Amino acid sequence: MNANKLTTAVLKKLSDAGIMAWRQNNQPTHDPKMNNGYGGYRAHNGMKGIPDIIAIVKGQFVGVEIKFGKDKLSPDQILFKRFCEHAGGTYLVIKTVEEVDNFLLTV
């Protein structure tokens, strides 16, 4: 399994549990009309460190960051996690589908 397959599996688990969740892209978007027709990238104006998946669970914000293998949180992600938890939200770092199952047992 790779990070994309893990993200898809997590979204399916959340959906199957009746939880509203979506993939939050925060990467630049390729625009073929930029840079003399060869293409370029338009930056998004999203928050730095925003998690891969956003979910609403019983009215509460849940951020789900997908990490695969030896990946770890970036400084921006750590800061977002702190702000999220300080505001009363939940922030999960998920490396396996089983971790989602464990979370679902608590809600």
C-alpha atoms as a PDB file:
ATOM      1  CA  MET A   1       0.000   0.000   0.000  1.00  0.00           C
ATOM      2  CA  ASN A   2       1.187   3.538  -0.738  1.00  0.00           C
ATOM      3  CA  ALA A   3       0.065   6.921   0.616  1.00  0.00           C
ATOM      4  CA  ASN A   4      -2.604   7.426  -2.082  1.00  0.00           C
ATOM      5  CA  LYS A   5      -4.139   3.994  -1.468  1.00  0.00           C
ATOM      6  CA  LEU A   6      -4.039   4.599   2.296  1.00  0.00           C
ATOM      7  CA  THR A   7      -5.794   7.960   1.828  1.00  0.00           C
ATOM      8  CA  THR A   8      -8.485   6.295  -0.301  1.00  0.00           C
ATOM      9  CA  ALA A   9      -8.934   3.504   2.259  1.00  0.00           C
ATOM     10  CA  VAL A  10      -9.224   6.009   5.126  1.00  0.00           C
ATOM     11  CA  LEU A  11     -11.834   8.043   3.235  1.00  0.00           C
ATOM     12  CA  LYS A  12     -13.820   4.869   2.542  1.00  0.00           C
ATOM     13  CA  LYS A  13     -13.700   3.806   6.206  1.00  0.00           C
ATOM     14  CA  LEU A  14     -14.923   7.223   7.311  1.00  0.00           C
ATOM     15  CA  SER A  15     -17.667   7.265   4.679  1.00  0.00           C
ATOM     16  CA  ASP A  16     -18.782   3.741   5.587  1.00  0.00           C
ATOM     17  CA  ALA A  17     -19.084   4.926   9.205  1.00  0.00           C
ATOM     18  CA  GLY A  18     -21.399   7.748   8.078  1.00  0.00           C
ATOM     19  CA  ILE A  19     -18.797  10.459   8.675  1.00  0.00           C
ATOM     20  CA  MET A  20     -18.598  13.452   6.352  1.00  0.00           C
ATOM     21  CA  ALA A  21     -14.990  13.635   5.162  1.00  0.00           C
ATOM     22  CA  TRP A  22     -13.091  14.900   2.142  1.00  0.00           C
ATOM     23  CA  ARG A  23      -9.588  15.053   0.721  1.00  0.00           C
ATOM     24  CA  GLN A  24      -8.131  18.518   1.167  1.00  0.00           C
ATOM     25  CA  ASN A  25      -5.641  19.327  -1.573  1.00  0.00           C
ATOM     26  CA  ASN A  26      -3.204  22.088  -0.748  1.00  0.00           C
ATOM     27  CA  GLN A  27      -0.772  21.653  -3.622  1.00  0.00           C
ATOM     28  CA  PRO A  28      -0.273  24.056  -6.506  1.00  0.00           C
ATOM     29  CA  THR A  29      -2.453  23.367  -9.544  1.00  0.00           C
ATOM     30  CA  HIS A  30      -0.925  22.854 -12.977  1.00  0.00           C
ATOM     31  CA  ASP A  31      -2.158  25.411 -15.503  1.00  0.00           C
ATOM     32  CA  PRO A  32      -1.115  24.671 -19.111  1.00  0.00           C
ATOM     33  CA  LYS A  33      -1.838  28.288 -20.143  1.00  0.00           C
ATOM     34  CA  MET A  34       0.915  29.691 -17.938  1.00  0.00           C
ATOM     35  CA  ASN A  35       4.564  30.203 -18.909  1.00  0.00           C
ATOM     36  CA  ASN A  36       4.366  30.554 -22.700  1.00  0.00           C
ATOM     37  CA  GLY A  37       2.070  27.566 -23.162  1.00  0.00           C
ATOM     38  CA  TYR A  38       4.405  25.035 -21.539  1.00  0.00           C
ATOM     39  CA  GLY A  39       2.467  25.133 -18.306  1.00  0.00           C
ATOM     40  CA  GLY A  40       3.084  26.411 -14.839  1.00  0.00           C
ATOM     41  CA  TYR A  41       1.662  26.156 -11.388  1.00  0.00           C
ATOM     42  CA  ARG A  42      -0.874  28.382  -9.667  1.00  0.00           C
ATOM     43  CA  ALA A  43      -0.396  28.456  -5.924  1.00  0.00           C
ATOM     44  CA  HIS A  44      -3.302  27.721  -3.623  1.00  0.00           C
ATOM     45  CA  ASN A  45      -3.968  30.145  -0.824  1.00  0.00           C
ATOM     46  CA  GLY A  46      -4.774  27.419   1.706  1.00  0.00           C
ATOM     47  CA  MET A  47      -3.337  27.279   5.178  1.00  0.00           C
ATOM     48  CA  LYS A  48       0.120  25.783   5.509  1.00  0.00           C
ATOM     49  CA  GLY A  49       0.136  22.446   7.289  1.00  0.00           C
ATOM     50  CA  ILE A  50      -3.542  21.664   6.649  1.00  0.00           C
ATOM     51  CA  PRO A  51      -4.189  17.916   6.977  1.00  0.00           C
ATOM     52  CA  ASP A  52      -4.829  15.603   4.034  1.00  0.00           C
ATOM     53  CA  ILE A  53      -8.380  14.783   5.096  1.00  0.00           C
ATOM     54  CA  ILE A  54     -10.936  16.999   6.824  1.00  0.00           C
ATOM     55  CA  ALA A  55     -13.839  15.346   8.658  1.00  0.00           C
ATOM     56  CA  ILE A  56     -16.737  16.477  10.786  1.00  0.00           C
ATOM     57  CA  VAL A  57     -17.513  13.976  13.544  1.00  0.00           C
ATOM     58  CA  LYS A  58     -20.508  14.731  15.753  1.00  0.00           C
ATOM     59  CA  GLY A  59     -20.077  18.429  15.015  1.00  0.00           C
ATOM     60  CA  GLN A  60     -16.357  18.412  15.782  1.00  0.00           C
ATOM     61  CA  PHE A  61     -13.498  19.202  13.393  1.00  0.00           C
ATOM     62  CA  VAL A  62     -11.177  16.260  12.812  1.00  0.00           C
ATOM     63  CA  GLY A  63      -8.003  16.669  10.781  1.00  0.00           C
ATOM     64  CA  VAL A  64      -6.462  13.465   9.428  1.00  0.00           C
ATOM     65  CA  GLU A  65      -2.876  13.578   8.227  1.00  0.00           C
ATOM     66  CA  ILE A  66      -1.764  10.539   6.230  1.00  0.00           C
ATOM     67  CA  LYS A  67       1.834   9.469   6.697  1.00  0.00           C
ATOM     68  CA  PHE A  68       3.399   6.487   4.998  1.00  0.00           C
ATOM     69  CA  GLY A  69       6.563   4.645   5.903  1.00  0.00           C
ATOM     70  CA  LYS A  70       9.075   6.901   7.628  1.00  0.00           C
ATOM     71  CA  ASP A  71       7.202  10.125   6.810  1.00  0.00           C
ATOM     72  CA  LYS A  72       6.720  12.515   9.716  1.00  0.00           C
ATOM     73  CA  LEU A  73       4.930  15.802  10.325  1.00  0.00           C
ATOM     74  CA  SER A  74       6.496  18.943   8.879  1.00  0.00           C
ATOM     75  CA  PRO A  75       6.952  22.013  11.105  1.00  0.00           C
ATOM     76  CA  ASP A  76       3.848  23.595   9.480  1.00  0.00           C
ATOM     77  CA  GLN A  77       1.835  20.442  10.171  1.00  0.00           C
ATOM     78  CA  ILE A  78       2.964  20.382  13.800  1.00  0.00           C
ATOM     79  CA  LEU A  79       1.862  23.997  14.185  1.00  0.00           C
ATOM     80  CA  PHE A  80      -1.520  23.282  12.552  1.00  0.00           C
ATOM     81  CA  LYS A  81      -1.970  20.273  14.864  1.00  0.00           C
ATOM     82  CA  ARG A  82      -1.316  22.455  17.923  1.00  0.00           C
ATOM     83  CA  PHE A  83      -3.773  25.142  16.760  1.00  0.00           C
ATOM     84  CA  CYS A  84      -6.397  22.504  15.957  1.00  0.00           C
ATOM     85  CA  GLU A  85      -6.145  20.825  19.360  1.00  0.00           C
ATOM     86  CA  HIS A  86      -6.009  24.152  21.189  1.00  0.00           C
ATOM     87  CA  ALA A  87      -9.282  25.120  19.476  1.00  0.00           C
ATOM     88  CA  GLY A  88     -10.928  21.876  20.605  1.00  0.00           C
ATOM     89  CA  GLY A  89     -10.489  19.905  17.389  1.00  0.00           C
ATOM     90  CA  THR A  90      -8.976  16.480  16.918  1.00  0.00           C
ATOM     91  CA  TYR A  91      -5.894  15.858  14.799  1.00  0.00           C
ATOM     92  CA  LEU A  92      -4.962  12.314  13.805  1.00  0.00           C
ATOM     93  CA  VAL A  93      -1.755  11.095  12.228  1.00  0.00           C
ATOM     94  CA  ILE A  94      -2.674   7.892  10.415  1.00  0.00           C
ATOM     95  CA  LYS A  95      -0.155   5.349   9.114  1.00  0.00           C
ATOM     96  CA  THR A  96      -2.433   2.304   8.878  1.00  0.00           C
ATOM     97  CA  VAL A  97      -6.088   1.552   8.216  1.00  0.00           C
ATOM     98  CA  GLU A  98      -6.232  -0.113  11.634  1.00  0.00           C
ATOM     99  CA  GLU A  99      -5.564   3.257  13.281  1.00  0.00           C
ATOM    100  CA  VAL A 100      -8.753   4.553  11.669  1.00  0.00           C
ATOM    101  CA  ASP A 101     -10.636   1.538  13.028  1.00  0.00           C
ATOM    102  CA  ASN A 102      -9.319   2.356  16.519  1.00  0.00           C
ATOM    103  CA  PHE A 103     -10.441   5.981  16.175  1.00  0.00           C
ATOM    104  CA  LEU A 104     -13.903   4.904  15.000  1.00  0.00           C
ATOM    105  CA  LEU A 105     -14.279   2.788  18.141  1.00  0.00           C
ATOM    106  CA  THR A 106     -13.952   5.961  20.238  1.00  0.00           C
ATOM    107  CA  VAL A 107     -16.654   8.006  18.461  1.00  0.00           C
END
